[in-house]
Amino acid sequence: MVNLFQQGGSVMYVLLLMSILATAIILLKLYQFYRSGLRQTGFVEDTLSALRSGEYAQALQKLQQQPSPVARVLESAVSFGANPVMSCNDVEAEVSRVGSAQIRNLESWLRGLSSIAHLSPLLGLLGTVTGMIAAFMNLQAAGSQVDPSILSGGIWEALLTTAFGLTVAIPAMAAFYYLEGEVDNVRAAMKDASIQVLRHFGKSPHVDSRDDERVEDETHGL
């Protein structure tokens, strides 16, 4: 393996560093998502049941015990929705602000993972091109004493970087799409749950055929 890296050139070490960084990001995000309990949404129905019974303090207490970002949005929806001083627009703005902060936290480092997935094949191609140039320069230097092994050896060494670049990019891209899908599911759960809570307080968005687009823009942060 060390010999292959030496034959592939300096680009191989850059790709190795990117693969380590991508692995660290993936493991970190999987741990974060696990600790956040993204798949646990049973508390949403419990919160709605408590609100229907008028037990606002109990609903807030249950939400505070949940690590899920959906619980943080519901907590803000209950707190602001129960405030008679705040208007519907004010409540929607505050809930959207909390939801956007939670989504940004979940999306942290995902852009870096996406960059690694897109740049790795390009770096591999760069290594291949520079390796091919070196191989043909050696072939030219050989003059009339042309040995086919010089060219073939240089080509397979140059192709190492492309292969390694794809090896890094494919799992990084797959992990990125998986993690991004989890964030999208959380965003949808936030939107659905917050609308139900705000509807309980009579402060949910008013949706009709003329302002569907406006409501979608206001709640996109969730």
N, C-alpha and C. Protein backbone atom coordinates (compact mmCIF):
# COMPACT_ATOMS: atom_id res chain seq x y z
N MET A 1 0.83 -1.20 0.00
CA MET A 1 0.00 0.00 0.00
C MET A 1 0.87 1.26 0.00
N VAL A 2 1.93 1.25 0.82
CA VAL A 2 2.84 2.40 0.86
C VAL A 2 3.50 2.59 -0.49
N ASN A 3 3.85 1.47 -1.14
CA ASN A 3 4.48 1.53 -2.46
C ASN A 3 3.54 2.14 -3.49
N LEU A 4 2.25 1.79 -3.40
CA LEU A 4 1.26 2.36 -4.33
C LEU A 4 1.13 3.87 -4.14
N PHE A 5 1.15 4.30 -2.89
CA PHE A 5 1.06 5.74 -2.63
C PHE A 5 2.28 6.47 -3.17
N GLN A 6 3.43 5.86 -3.03
CA GLN A 6 4.65 6.49 -3.54
C GLN A 6 4.64 6.57 -5.05
N GLN A 7 4.11 5.52 -5.69
CA GLN A 7 4.04 5.52 -7.15
C GLN A 7 2.98 6.49 -7.67
N GLY A 8 1.91 6.68 -6.90
CA GLY A 8 0.85 7.57 -7.33
C GLY A 8 1.21 9.04 -7.22
N GLY A 9 2.18 9.38 -6.41
CA GLY A 9 2.61 10.76 -6.32
C GLY A 9 1.96 11.50 -5.17
N SER A 10 2.22 12.80 -5.11
CA SER A 10 1.76 13.64 -3.99
C SER A 10 0.24 13.75 -3.93
N VAL A 11 -0.43 13.64 -5.08
CA VAL A 11 -1.90 13.74 -5.09
C VAL A 11 -2.52 12.64 -4.24
N MET A 12 -1.88 11.49 -4.20
CA MET A 12 -2.41 10.37 -3.41
C MET A 12 -2.47 10.74 -1.93
N TYR A 13 -1.49 11.47 -1.45
CA TYR A 13 -1.47 11.85 -0.03
C TYR A 13 -2.54 12.90 0.26
N VAL A 14 -2.79 13.78 -0.71
CA VAL A 14 -3.88 14.75 -0.55
C VAL A 14 -5.23 14.02 -0.48
N LEU A 15 -5.39 13.05 -1.35
CA LEU A 15 -6.64 12.26 -1.35
C LEU A 15 -6.77 11.46 -0.06
N LEU A 16 -5.66 10.96 0.45
CA LEU A 16 -5.70 10.23 1.71
C LEU A 16 -6.17 11.14 2.84
N LEU A 17 -5.65 12.36 2.86
CA LEU A 17 -6.08 13.32 3.87
C LEU A 17 -7.56 13.63 3.74
N MET A 18 -8.04 13.77 2.52
CA MET A 18 -9.47 14.05 2.29
C MET A 18 -10.33 12.86 2.72
N SER A 19 -9.83 11.65 2.49
CA SER A 19 -10.61 10.48 2.90
C SER A 19 -10.71 10.39 4.42
N ILE A 20 -9.63 10.74 5.12
CA ILE A 20 -9.67 10.74 6.58
C ILE A 20 -10.65 11.80 7.08
N LEU A 21 -10.61 12.97 6.46
CA LEU A 21 -11.53 14.04 6.86
C LEU A 21 -12.97 13.66 6.58
N ALA A 22 -13.23 13.03 5.43
CA ALA A 22 -14.60 12.61 5.09
C ALA A 22 -15.10 11.56 6.09
N THR A 23 -14.24 10.62 6.44
CA THR A 23 -14.62 9.59 7.41
C THR A 23 -14.94 10.21 8.76
N ALA A 24 -14.13 11.18 9.17
CA ALA A 24 -14.37 11.85 10.45
C ALA A 24 -15.70 12.60 10.44
N ILE A 25 -16.00 13.28 9.34
CA ILE A 25 -17.26 14.01 9.25
C ILE A 25 -18.45 13.06 9.31
N ILE A 26 -18.36 11.96 8.57
CA ILE A 26 -19.47 10.99 8.54
C ILE A 26 -19.72 10.41 9.92
N LEU A 27 -18.66 10.00 10.59
CA LEU A 27 -18.82 9.42 11.93
C LEU A 27 -19.35 10.45 12.92
N LEU A 28 -18.87 11.68 12.81
CA LEU A 28 -19.33 12.75 13.70
C LEU A 28 -20.80 13.04 13.50
N LYS A 29 -21.24 13.11 12.24
CA LYS A 29 -22.65 13.41 11.97
C LYS A 29 -23.55 12.25 12.37
N LEU A 30 -23.10 11.02 12.14
CA LEU A 30 -23.91 9.88 12.56
C LEU A 30 -24.07 9.86 14.08
N TYR A 31 -23.01 10.18 14.79
CA TYR A 31 -23.09 10.25 16.26
C TYR A 31 -24.00 11.38 16.69
N GLN A 32 -23.89 12.53 16.03
CA GLN A 32 -24.76 13.67 16.36
C GLN A 32 -26.23 13.33 16.12
N PHE A 33 -26.52 12.70 14.98
CA PHE A 33 -27.90 12.35 14.66
C PHE A 33 -28.44 11.31 15.64
N TYR A 34 -27.58 10.37 16.03
CA TYR A 34 -28.01 9.35 16.99
C TYR A 34 -28.31 9.98 18.35
N ARG A 35 -27.43 10.86 18.81
CA ARG A 35 -27.64 11.51 20.10
C ARG A 35 -28.87 12.43 20.07
N SER A 36 -29.16 12.98 18.91
CA SER A 36 -30.30 13.89 18.80
C SER A 36 -31.63 13.16 18.71
N GLY A 37 -31.59 11.85 18.52
CA GLY A 37 -32.83 11.08 18.45
C GLY A 37 -33.74 11.52 17.32
N LEU A 38 -33.18 11.65 16.12
CA LEU A 38 -33.97 12.15 15.00
C LEU A 38 -35.13 11.24 14.65
N ARG A 39 -35.00 9.96 14.89
CA ARG A 39 -36.06 9.01 14.54
C ARG A 39 -37.17 8.95 15.59
N GLN A 40 -36.94 9.55 16.73
CA GLN A 40 -37.92 9.48 17.82
C GLN A 40 -38.88 10.67 17.71
N THR A 41 -40.11 10.37 17.32
CA THR A 41 -41.12 11.42 17.15
C THR A 41 -42.40 11.12 17.93
N GLY A 42 -42.35 10.11 18.79
CA GLY A 42 -43.56 9.78 19.55
C GLY A 42 -44.00 10.87 20.49
N PHE A 43 -43.07 11.74 20.90
CA PHE A 43 -43.41 12.80 21.85
C PHE A 43 -44.31 13.86 21.22
N VAL A 44 -44.36 13.90 19.89
CA VAL A 44 -45.20 14.91 19.22
C VAL A 44 -46.67 14.69 19.57
N GLU A 45 -47.12 13.45 19.46
CA GLU A 45 -48.51 13.15 19.79
C GLU A 45 -48.78 13.33 21.27
N ASP A 46 -47.81 12.99 22.12
CA ASP A 46 -47.98 13.21 23.56
C ASP A 46 -48.12 14.70 23.88
N THR A 47 -47.34 15.51 23.18
CA THR A 47 -47.43 16.96 23.39
C THR A 47 -48.79 17.49 22.97
N LEU A 48 -49.29 17.04 21.82
CA LEU A 48 -50.60 17.49 21.35
C LEU A 48 -51.71 17.05 22.30
N SER A 49 -51.59 15.84 22.83
CA SER A 49 -52.60 15.35 23.78
C SER A 49 -52.58 16.20 25.06
N ALA A 50 -51.37 16.55 25.52
CA ALA A 50 -51.27 17.38 26.72
C ALA A 50 -51.85 18.78 26.48
N LEU A 51 -51.64 19.31 25.28
CA LEU A 51 -52.18 20.63 24.96
C LEU A 51 -53.70 20.59 24.90
N ARG A 52 -54.23 19.53 24.34
CA ARG A 52 -55.70 19.42 24.28
C ARG A 52 -56.31 19.32 25.67
N SER A 53 -55.54 18.78 26.61
CA SER A 53 -56.02 18.68 27.99
C SER A 53 -55.73 19.95 28.79
N GLY A 54 -55.10 20.92 28.16
CA GLY A 54 -54.79 22.17 28.85
C GLY A 54 -53.57 22.08 29.76
N GLU A 55 -52.79 21.04 29.66
CA GLU A 55 -51.62 20.86 30.52
C GLU A 55 -50.38 21.41 29.81
N TYR A 56 -50.30 22.72 29.74
CA TYR A 56 -49.21 23.36 29.01
C TYR A 56 -47.87 23.14 29.71
N ALA A 57 -47.85 23.26 31.03
CA ALA A 57 -46.60 23.09 31.79
C ALA A 57 -46.07 21.67 31.63
N GLN A 58 -46.97 20.70 31.65
CA GLN A 58 -46.55 19.31 31.49
C GLN A 58 -46.02 19.06 30.08
N ALA A 59 -46.66 19.68 29.09
CA ALA A 59 -46.19 19.53 27.71
C ALA A 59 -44.78 20.09 27.56
N LEU A 60 -44.53 21.26 28.14
CA LEU A 60 -43.20 21.85 28.06
C LEU A 60 -42.17 21.01 28.80
N GLN A 61 -42.55 20.45 29.92
CA GLN A 61 -41.63 19.62 30.69
C GLN A 61 -41.22 18.39 29.90
N LYS A 62 -42.18 17.76 29.22
CA LYS A 62 -41.87 16.58 28.42
C LYS A 62 -40.97 16.94 27.24
N LEU A 63 -41.22 18.08 26.63
CA LEU A 63 -40.41 18.49 25.49
C LEU A 63 -38.97 18.79 25.91
N GLN A 64 -38.80 19.39 27.07
CA GLN A 64 -37.47 19.72 27.56
C GLN A 64 -36.63 18.49 27.84
N GLN A 65 -37.27 17.36 28.04
CA GLN A 65 -36.55 16.11 28.30
C GLN A 65 -36.11 15.41 27.02
N GLN A 66 -36.56 15.92 25.87
CA GLN A 66 -36.24 15.29 24.60
C GLN A 66 -35.05 15.99 23.94
N PRO A 67 -34.08 15.21 23.42
CA PRO A 67 -32.93 15.82 22.76
C PRO A 67 -33.19 16.19 21.30
N SER A 68 -34.33 15.80 20.77
CA SER A 68 -34.61 16.00 19.35
C SER A 68 -34.74 17.48 18.99
N PRO A 69 -34.23 17.89 17.82
CA PRO A 69 -34.44 19.27 17.37
C PRO A 69 -35.91 19.58 17.11
N VAL A 70 -36.70 18.55 16.79
CA VAL A 70 -38.15 18.77 16.64
C VAL A 70 -38.75 19.20 17.97
N ALA A 71 -38.25 18.64 19.06
CA ALA A 71 -38.74 19.02 20.38
C ALA A 71 -38.42 20.47 20.69
N ARG A 72 -37.25 20.96 20.21
CA ARG A 72 -36.89 22.35 20.46
C ARG A 72 -37.86 23.29 19.72
N VAL A 73 -38.24 22.90 18.53
CA VAL A 73 -39.19 23.72 17.77
C VAL A 73 -40.57 23.69 18.43
N LEU A 74 -41.00 22.51 18.85
CA LEU A 74 -42.29 22.41 19.53
C LEU A 74 -42.29 23.19 20.84
N GLU A 75 -41.18 23.16 21.54
CA GLU A 75 -41.07 23.90 22.79
C GLU A 75 -41.26 25.40 22.55
N SER A 76 -40.64 25.90 21.49
CA SER A 76 -40.82 27.32 21.16
C SER A 76 -42.25 27.60 20.69
N ALA A 77 -42.84 26.65 19.95
CA ALA A 77 -44.21 26.85 19.48
C ALA A 77 -45.20 26.91 20.64
N VAL A 78 -45.00 26.05 21.64
CA VAL A 78 -45.88 26.06 22.81
C VAL A 78 -45.67 27.33 23.63
N SER A 79 -44.41 27.70 23.84
CA SER A 79 -44.11 28.88 24.66
C SER A 79 -44.64 30.16 24.02
N PHE A 80 -44.35 30.34 22.74
CA PHE A 80 -44.79 31.56 22.06
C PHE A 80 -46.27 31.52 21.71
N GLY A 81 -46.77 30.33 21.38
CA GLY A 81 -48.19 30.23 21.04
C GLY A 81 -49.10 30.52 22.21
N ALA A 82 -48.66 30.16 23.42
CA ALA A 82 -49.47 30.39 24.61
C ALA A 82 -49.39 31.84 25.09
N ASN A 83 -48.50 32.63 24.49
CA ASN A 83 -48.36 34.03 24.89
C ASN A 83 -49.42 34.87 24.18
N PRO A 84 -50.39 35.42 24.90
CA PRO A 84 -51.47 36.17 24.25
C PRO A 84 -51.01 37.49 23.67
N VAL A 85 -49.86 37.97 24.09
CA VAL A 85 -49.37 39.27 23.61
C VAL A 85 -48.82 39.16 22.19
N MET A 86 -48.26 38.00 21.85
CA MET A 86 -47.62 37.84 20.55
C MET A 86 -48.65 37.57 19.47
N SER A 87 -48.48 38.25 18.35
CA SER A 87 -49.38 38.06 17.22
C SER A 87 -49.03 36.79 16.46
N CYS A 88 -49.86 36.42 15.51
CA CYS A 88 -49.63 35.22 14.71
C CYS A 88 -48.32 35.33 13.94
N ASN A 89 -48.08 36.50 13.34
CA ASN A 89 -46.84 36.68 12.57
C ASN A 89 -45.61 36.61 13.46
N ASP A 90 -45.71 37.18 14.67
CA ASP A 90 -44.58 37.15 15.60
C ASP A 90 -44.26 35.72 16.02
N VAL A 91 -45.31 34.95 16.30
CA VAL A 91 -45.11 33.56 16.71
C VAL A 91 -44.47 32.76 15.59
N GLU A 92 -45.00 32.92 14.37
CA GLU A 92 -44.44 32.21 13.22
C GLU A 92 -42.97 32.56 13.02
N ALA A 93 -42.62 33.84 13.17
CA ALA A 93 -41.24 34.27 12.97
C ALA A 93 -40.31 33.66 14.01
N GLU A 94 -40.75 33.62 15.26
CA GLU A 94 -39.91 33.06 16.31
C GLU A 94 -39.73 31.56 16.15
N VAL A 95 -40.81 30.87 15.83
CA VAL A 95 -40.72 29.42 15.64
C VAL A 95 -39.83 29.11 14.43
N SER A 96 -39.96 29.89 13.36
CA SER A 96 -39.11 29.70 12.19
C SER A 96 -37.65 29.96 12.52
N ARG A 97 -37.38 30.96 13.37
CA ARG A 97 -36.01 31.26 13.76
C ARG A 97 -35.38 30.09 14.53
N VAL A 98 -36.13 29.53 15.47
CA VAL A 98 -35.63 28.40 16.24
C VAL A 98 -35.40 27.19 15.34
N GLY A 99 -36.36 26.95 14.45
CA GLY A 99 -36.22 25.82 13.52
C GLY A 99 -35.03 25.97 12.59
N SER A 100 -34.80 27.19 12.11
CA SER A 100 -33.66 27.42 11.22
C SER A 100 -32.35 27.17 11.95
N ALA A 101 -32.26 27.58 13.21
CA ALA A 101 -31.04 27.34 13.99
C ALA A 101 -30.79 25.85 14.17
N GLN A 102 -31.84 25.09 14.42
CA GLN A 102 -31.69 23.64 14.58
C GLN A 102 -31.25 22.97 13.27
N ILE A 103 -31.82 23.41 12.17
CA ILE A 103 -31.45 22.84 10.87
C ILE A 103 -30.01 23.18 10.53
N ARG A 104 -29.60 24.41 10.81
CA ARG A 104 -28.20 24.78 10.54
C ARG A 104 -27.24 23.93 11.34
N ASN A 105 -27.62 23.60 12.57
CA ASN A 105 -26.77 22.74 13.39
C ASN A 105 -26.67 21.34 12.79
N LEU A 106 -27.78 20.82 12.28
CA LEU A 106 -27.76 19.50 11.66
C LEU A 106 -26.98 19.50 10.34
N GLU A 107 -27.02 20.61 9.63
CA GLU A 107 -26.35 20.68 8.34
C GLU A 107 -24.87 21.05 8.44
N SER A 108 -24.39 21.33 9.64
CA SER A 108 -22.99 21.70 9.79
C SER A 108 -22.07 20.57 9.28
N TRP A 109 -21.05 20.97 8.56
CA TRP A 109 -20.05 20.07 7.98
C TRP A 109 -20.55 19.28 6.77
N LEU A 110 -21.83 19.33 6.47
CA LEU A 110 -22.31 18.59 5.30
C LEU A 110 -21.79 19.21 4.00
N ARG A 111 -21.64 20.52 3.99
CA ARG A 111 -21.09 21.16 2.80
C ARG A 111 -19.64 20.73 2.58
N GLY A 112 -18.89 20.57 3.67
CA GLY A 112 -17.52 20.08 3.55
C GLY A 112 -17.47 18.67 2.99
N LEU A 113 -18.41 17.81 3.44
CA LEU A 113 -18.47 16.45 2.92
C LEU A 113 -18.82 16.46 1.43
N SER A 114 -19.74 17.34 1.04
CA SER A 114 -20.10 17.44 -0.37
C SER A 114 -18.91 17.93 -1.19
N SER A 115 -18.14 18.87 -0.66
CA SER A 115 -16.97 19.37 -1.38
C SER A 115 -15.94 18.26 -1.60
N ILE A 116 -15.73 17.44 -0.58
CA ILE A 116 -14.79 16.33 -0.72
C ILE A 116 -15.26 15.36 -1.80
N ALA A 117 -16.57 15.07 -1.81
CA ALA A 117 -17.11 14.14 -2.79
C ALA A 117 -16.96 14.67 -4.22
N HIS A 118 -17.05 15.99 -4.39
CA HIS A 118 -16.94 16.56 -5.73
C HIS A 118 -15.49 16.81 -6.15
N LEU A 119 -14.61 17.12 -5.19
CA LEU A 119 -13.23 17.46 -5.53
C LEU A 119 -12.34 16.23 -5.69
N SER A 120 -12.68 15.14 -5.00
CA SER A 120 -11.81 13.96 -5.05
C SER A 120 -11.61 13.42 -6.47
N PRO A 121 -12.68 13.25 -7.28
CA PRO A 121 -12.44 12.77 -8.66
C PRO A 121 -11.62 13.75 -9.49
N LEU A 122 -11.81 15.05 -9.24
CA LEU A 122 -11.03 16.04 -10.00
C LEU A 122 -9.56 15.98 -9.63
N LEU A 123 -9.27 15.81 -8.34
CA LEU A 123 -7.88 15.66 -7.93
C LEU A 123 -7.27 14.37 -8.49
N GLY A 124 -8.08 13.31 -8.50
CA GLY A 124 -7.59 12.06 -9.09
C GLY A 124 -7.29 12.22 -10.56
N LEU A 125 -8.16 12.95 -11.27
CA LEU A 125 -7.92 13.19 -12.69
C LEU A 125 -6.67 14.04 -12.89
N LEU A 126 -6.49 15.03 -12.02
CA LEU A 126 -5.28 15.86 -12.10
C LEU A 126 -4.03 15.02 -11.92
N GLY A 127 -4.05 14.11 -10.96
CA GLY A 127 -2.91 13.24 -10.76
C GLY A 127 -2.65 12.35 -11.95
N THR A 128 -3.73 11.88 -12.59
CA THR A 128 -3.57 11.04 -13.77
C THR A 128 -2.96 11.81 -14.92
N VAL A 129 -3.44 13.04 -15.13
CA VAL A 129 -2.92 13.85 -16.23
C VAL A 129 -1.43 14.15 -16.03
N THR A 130 -1.08 14.57 -14.82
CA THR A 130 0.34 14.86 -14.56
C THR A 130 1.19 13.59 -14.67
N GLY A 131 0.64 12.45 -14.25
CA GLY A 131 1.37 11.20 -14.39
C GLY A 131 1.57 10.80 -15.84
N MET A 132 0.53 11.02 -16.67
CA MET A 132 0.66 10.72 -18.10
C MET A 132 1.71 11.62 -18.76
N ILE A 133 1.71 12.89 -18.34
CA ILE A 133 2.72 13.80 -18.89
C ILE A 133 4.12 13.30 -18.56
N ALA A 134 4.30 12.89 -17.31
CA ALA A 134 5.62 12.38 -16.90
C ALA A 134 5.98 11.12 -17.67
N ALA A 135 4.99 10.25 -17.92
CA ALA A 135 5.26 9.01 -18.65
C ALA A 135 5.70 9.29 -20.08
N PHE A 136 5.03 10.23 -20.74
CA PHE A 136 5.41 10.55 -22.12
C PHE A 136 6.73 11.31 -22.18
N MET A 137 7.03 12.08 -21.13
CA MET A 137 8.35 12.74 -21.09
C MET A 137 9.46 11.69 -20.97
N ASN A 138 9.23 10.66 -20.15
CA ASN A 138 10.21 9.57 -20.04
C ASN A 138 10.35 8.81 -21.36
N LEU A 139 9.22 8.65 -22.06
CA LEU A 139 9.25 7.96 -23.35
C LEU A 139 10.06 8.76 -24.37
N GLN A 140 9.87 10.09 -24.33
CA GLN A 140 10.62 10.94 -25.24
C GLN A 140 12.11 10.92 -24.91
N ALA A 141 12.42 10.91 -23.61
CA ALA A 141 13.82 10.91 -23.21
C ALA A 141 14.53 9.62 -23.61
N ALA A 142 13.75 8.54 -23.74
CA ALA A 142 14.36 7.26 -24.13
C ALA A 142 14.84 7.28 -25.56
N GLY A 143 14.29 8.18 -26.38
CA GLY A 143 14.73 8.31 -27.78
C GLY A 143 14.41 7.05 -28.57
N SER A 144 15.42 6.57 -29.29
CA SER A 144 15.21 5.38 -30.12
C SER A 144 15.15 4.09 -29.31
N GLN A 145 15.62 4.15 -28.08
CA GLN A 145 15.60 2.97 -27.22
C GLN A 145 14.25 2.89 -26.49
N VAL A 146 13.19 2.81 -27.25
CA VAL A 146 11.84 2.82 -26.69
C VAL A 146 11.52 1.47 -26.07
N ASP A 147 11.10 1.49 -24.83
CA ASP A 147 10.68 0.27 -24.12
C ASP A 147 9.20 0.42 -23.79
N PRO A 148 8.33 -0.43 -24.34
CA PRO A 148 6.89 -0.30 -24.07
C PRO A 148 6.56 -0.32 -22.58
N SER A 149 7.40 -0.96 -21.80
CA SER A 149 7.13 -1.03 -20.36
C SER A 149 7.23 0.35 -19.71
N ILE A 150 8.02 1.23 -20.32
CA ILE A 150 8.13 2.58 -19.77
C ILE A 150 6.78 3.28 -19.84
N LEU A 151 6.13 3.17 -21.02
CA LEU A 151 4.83 3.82 -21.21
C LEU A 151 3.74 3.13 -20.40
N SER A 152 3.69 1.80 -20.47
CA SER A 152 2.62 1.08 -19.77
C SER A 152 2.76 1.25 -18.26
N GLY A 153 3.99 1.21 -17.76
CA GLY A 153 4.20 1.40 -16.33
C GLY A 153 3.79 2.79 -15.89
N GLY A 154 4.13 3.78 -16.68
CA GLY A 154 3.74 5.15 -16.33
C GLY A 154 2.24 5.35 -16.35
N ILE A 155 1.55 4.70 -17.29
CA ILE A 155 0.09 4.86 -17.40
C ILE A 155 -0.62 4.26 -16.19
N TRP A 156 -0.26 3.04 -15.80
CA TRP A 156 -0.99 2.43 -14.68
C TRP A 156 -0.68 3.14 -13.37
N GLU A 157 0.54 3.68 -13.24
CA GLU A 157 0.84 4.46 -12.06
C GLU A 157 0.01 5.74 -12.02
N ALA A 158 -0.16 6.36 -13.21
CA ALA A 158 -0.95 7.59 -13.28
C ALA A 158 -2.42 7.33 -12.97
N LEU A 159 -2.93 6.18 -13.40
CA LEU A 159 -4.34 5.86 -13.17
C LEU A 159 -4.65 5.56 -11.71
N LEU A 160 -3.64 5.35 -10.90
CA LEU A 160 -3.87 5.09 -9.47
C LEU A 160 -4.62 6.24 -8.80
N THR A 161 -4.27 7.47 -9.17
CA THR A 161 -4.91 8.62 -8.52
C THR A 161 -6.39 8.71 -8.88
N THR A 162 -6.74 8.40 -10.13
CA THR A 162 -8.15 8.42 -10.52
C THR A 162 -8.94 7.36 -9.75
N ALA A 163 -8.36 6.16 -9.65
CA ALA A 163 -9.04 5.10 -8.91
C ALA A 163 -9.22 5.47 -7.44
N PHE A 164 -8.19 6.03 -6.84
CA PHE A 164 -8.29 6.41 -5.43
C PHE A 164 -9.25 7.57 -5.23
N GLY A 165 -9.24 8.51 -6.19
CA GLY A 165 -10.17 9.64 -6.11
C GLY A 165 -11.62 9.17 -6.15
N LEU A 166 -11.94 8.22 -7.02
CA LEU A 166 -13.30 7.68 -7.07
C LEU A 166 -13.63 6.88 -5.82
N THR A 167 -12.62 6.19 -5.28
CA THR A 167 -12.84 5.43 -4.05
C THR A 167 -13.21 6.34 -2.89
N VAL A 168 -12.64 7.52 -2.88
CA VAL A 168 -12.98 8.49 -1.83
C VAL A 168 -14.34 9.14 -2.11
N ALA A 169 -14.59 9.47 -3.37
CA ALA A 169 -15.77 10.26 -3.72
C ALA A 169 -17.07 9.47 -3.59
N ILE A 170 -17.09 8.22 -3.99
CA ILE A 170 -18.35 7.46 -4.04
C ILE A 170 -18.97 7.29 -2.65
N PRO A 171 -18.25 6.78 -1.65
CA PRO A 171 -18.88 6.68 -0.32
C PRO A 171 -19.16 8.03 0.30
N ALA A 172 -18.32 9.04 0.01
CA ALA A 172 -18.58 10.37 0.56
C ALA A 172 -19.87 10.94 0.00
N MET A 173 -20.11 10.77 -1.30
CA MET A 173 -21.34 11.27 -1.90
C MET A 173 -22.55 10.50 -1.39
N ALA A 174 -22.42 9.18 -1.25
CA ALA A 174 -23.53 8.37 -0.73
C ALA A 174 -23.88 8.80 0.68
N ALA A 175 -22.87 9.01 1.51
CA ALA A 175 -23.12 9.45 2.89
C ALA A 175 -23.75 10.83 2.92
N PHE A 176 -23.31 11.71 2.03
CA PHE A 176 -23.87 13.06 1.99
C PHE A 176 -25.36 13.02 1.68
N TYR A 177 -25.74 12.24 0.68
CA TYR A 177 -27.16 12.17 0.32
C TYR A 177 -27.99 11.54 1.42
N TYR A 178 -27.43 10.55 2.10
CA TYR A 178 -28.15 9.94 3.22
C TYR A 178 -28.37 10.95 4.36
N LEU A 179 -27.29 11.64 4.73
CA LEU A 179 -27.39 12.61 5.82
C LEU A 179 -28.30 13.78 5.45
N GLU A 180 -28.21 14.21 4.21
CA GLU A 180 -29.08 15.29 3.75
C GLU A 180 -30.54 14.86 3.77
N GLY A 181 -30.80 13.60 3.43
CA GLY A 181 -32.17 13.09 3.49
C GLY A 181 -32.71 13.07 4.92
N GLU A 182 -31.85 12.73 5.88
CA GLU A 182 -32.26 12.76 7.28
C GLU A 182 -32.62 14.17 7.71
N VAL A 183 -31.84 15.15 7.28
CA VAL A 183 -32.13 16.55 7.62
C VAL A 183 -33.45 16.99 6.99
N ASP A 184 -33.70 16.57 5.76
CA ASP A 184 -34.96 16.91 5.10
C ASP A 184 -36.16 16.31 5.85
N ASN A 185 -35.99 15.08 6.34
CA ASN A 185 -37.07 14.45 7.12
C ASN A 185 -37.33 15.22 8.41
N VAL A 186 -36.28 15.68 9.06
CA VAL A 186 -36.44 16.47 10.29
C VAL A 186 -37.12 17.80 9.97
N ARG A 187 -36.72 18.43 8.87
CA ARG A 187 -37.34 19.69 8.47
C ARG A 187 -38.85 19.52 8.25
N ALA A 188 -39.22 18.43 7.58
CA ALA A 188 -40.64 18.18 7.34
C ALA A 188 -41.38 17.90 8.65
N ALA A 189 -40.75 17.15 9.55
CA ALA A 189 -41.38 16.86 10.85
C ALA A 189 -41.56 18.13 11.67
N MET A 190 -40.56 19.01 11.62
CA MET A 190 -40.68 20.30 12.33
C MET A 190 -41.86 21.11 11.80
N LYS A 191 -41.96 21.19 10.51
CA LYS A 191 -43.03 21.98 9.90
C LYS A 191 -44.40 21.42 10.26
N ASP A 192 -44.55 20.10 10.13
CA ASP A 192 -45.85 19.48 10.41
C ASP A 192 -46.24 19.64 11.88
N ALA A 193 -45.30 19.36 12.78
CA ALA A 193 -45.61 19.42 14.21
C ALA A 193 -45.88 20.84 14.67
N SER A 194 -45.08 21.80 14.18
CA SER A 194 -45.27 23.19 14.62
C SER A 194 -46.61 23.75 14.14
N ILE A 195 -47.02 23.38 12.94
CA ILE A 195 -48.31 23.85 12.43
C ILE A 195 -49.46 23.30 13.29
N GLN A 196 -49.34 22.03 13.71
CA GLN A 196 -50.39 21.46 14.56
C GLN A 196 -50.47 22.18 15.92
N VAL A 197 -49.30 22.51 16.48
CA VAL A 197 -49.29 23.20 17.77
C VAL A 197 -49.85 24.61 17.61
N LEU A 198 -49.41 25.31 16.58
CA LEU A 198 -49.89 26.68 16.38
C LEU A 198 -51.38 26.71 16.04
N ARG A 199 -51.85 25.68 15.36
CA ARG A 199 -53.28 25.62 15.09
C ARG A 199 -54.08 25.47 16.38
N HIS A 200 -53.50 24.76 17.35
CA HIS A 200 -54.18 24.61 18.64
C HIS A 200 -54.37 25.97 19.32
N PHE A 201 -53.39 26.85 19.17
CA PHE A 201 -53.49 28.18 19.76
C PHE A 201 -54.14 29.20 18.84
N GLY A 202 -54.59 28.74 17.66
CA GLY A 202 -55.23 29.65 16.72
C GLY A 202 -54.26 30.59 16.05
N LYS A 203 -52.99 30.18 15.95
CA LYS A 203 -51.98 31.04 15.35
C LYS A 203 -51.23 30.34 14.23
N SER A 204 -51.90 29.40 13.59
CA SER A 204 -51.26 28.69 12.50
C SER A 204 -51.35 29.53 11.23
N PRO A 205 -50.48 29.26 10.24
CA PRO A 205 -50.54 30.00 8.99
C PRO A 205 -51.87 29.81 8.30
N HIS A 206 -52.38 30.87 7.68
CA HIS A 206 -53.63 30.79 6.93
C HIS A 206 -53.31 30.45 5.49
N VAL A 207 -53.68 29.26 5.09
CA VAL A 207 -53.32 28.76 3.77
C VAL A 207 -54.53 28.81 2.86
N ASP A 208 -54.40 29.48 1.74
CA ASP A 208 -55.42 29.42 0.71
C ASP A 208 -54.72 29.40 -0.64
N SER A 209 -55.50 29.40 -1.72
CA SER A 209 -54.93 29.26 -3.04
C SER A 209 -54.08 30.45 -3.44
N ARG A 210 -54.24 31.58 -2.78
CA ARG A 210 -53.51 32.77 -3.17
C ARG A 210 -52.19 32.92 -2.41
N ASP A 211 -52.07 32.33 -1.23
CA ASP A 211 -50.85 32.55 -0.47
C ASP A 211 -50.14 31.26 -0.10
N ASP A 212 -50.33 30.19 -0.86
CA ASP A 212 -49.59 28.95 -0.62
C ASP A 212 -48.09 29.19 -0.71
N GLU A 213 -47.71 29.98 -1.72
CA GLU A 213 -46.28 30.22 -1.91
C GLU A 213 -45.71 31.03 -0.76
N ARG A 214 -46.50 32.00 -0.22
CA ARG A 214 -46.01 32.80 0.89
C ARG A 214 -45.79 31.94 2.11
N VAL A 215 -46.72 31.05 2.40
CA VAL A 215 -46.59 30.19 3.57
C VAL A 215 -45.41 29.25 3.42
N GLU A 216 -45.18 28.74 2.20
CA GLU A 216 -44.05 27.85 1.97
C GLU A 216 -42.75 28.57 2.24
N ASP A 217 -42.65 29.84 1.82
CA ASP A 217 -41.44 30.62 2.08
C ASP A 217 -41.23 30.86 3.55
N GLU A 218 -42.33 31.15 4.30
CA GLU A 218 -42.21 31.45 5.70
C GLU A 218 -41.80 30.24 6.52
N THR A 219 -42.21 29.08 6.09
CA THR A 219 -41.95 27.86 6.86
C THR A 219 -40.80 27.05 6.30
N HIS A 220 -40.12 27.56 5.27
CA HIS A 220 -39.01 26.78 4.67
C HIS A 220 -37.90 26.56 5.66
N GLY A 221 -37.72 27.51 6.56
CA GLY A 221 -36.68 27.36 7.57
C GLY A 221 -36.92 26.22 8.52
N LEU A 222 -38.18 25.74 8.58
CA LEU A 222 -38.47 24.60 9.43
C LEU A 222 -38.19 23.30 8.72
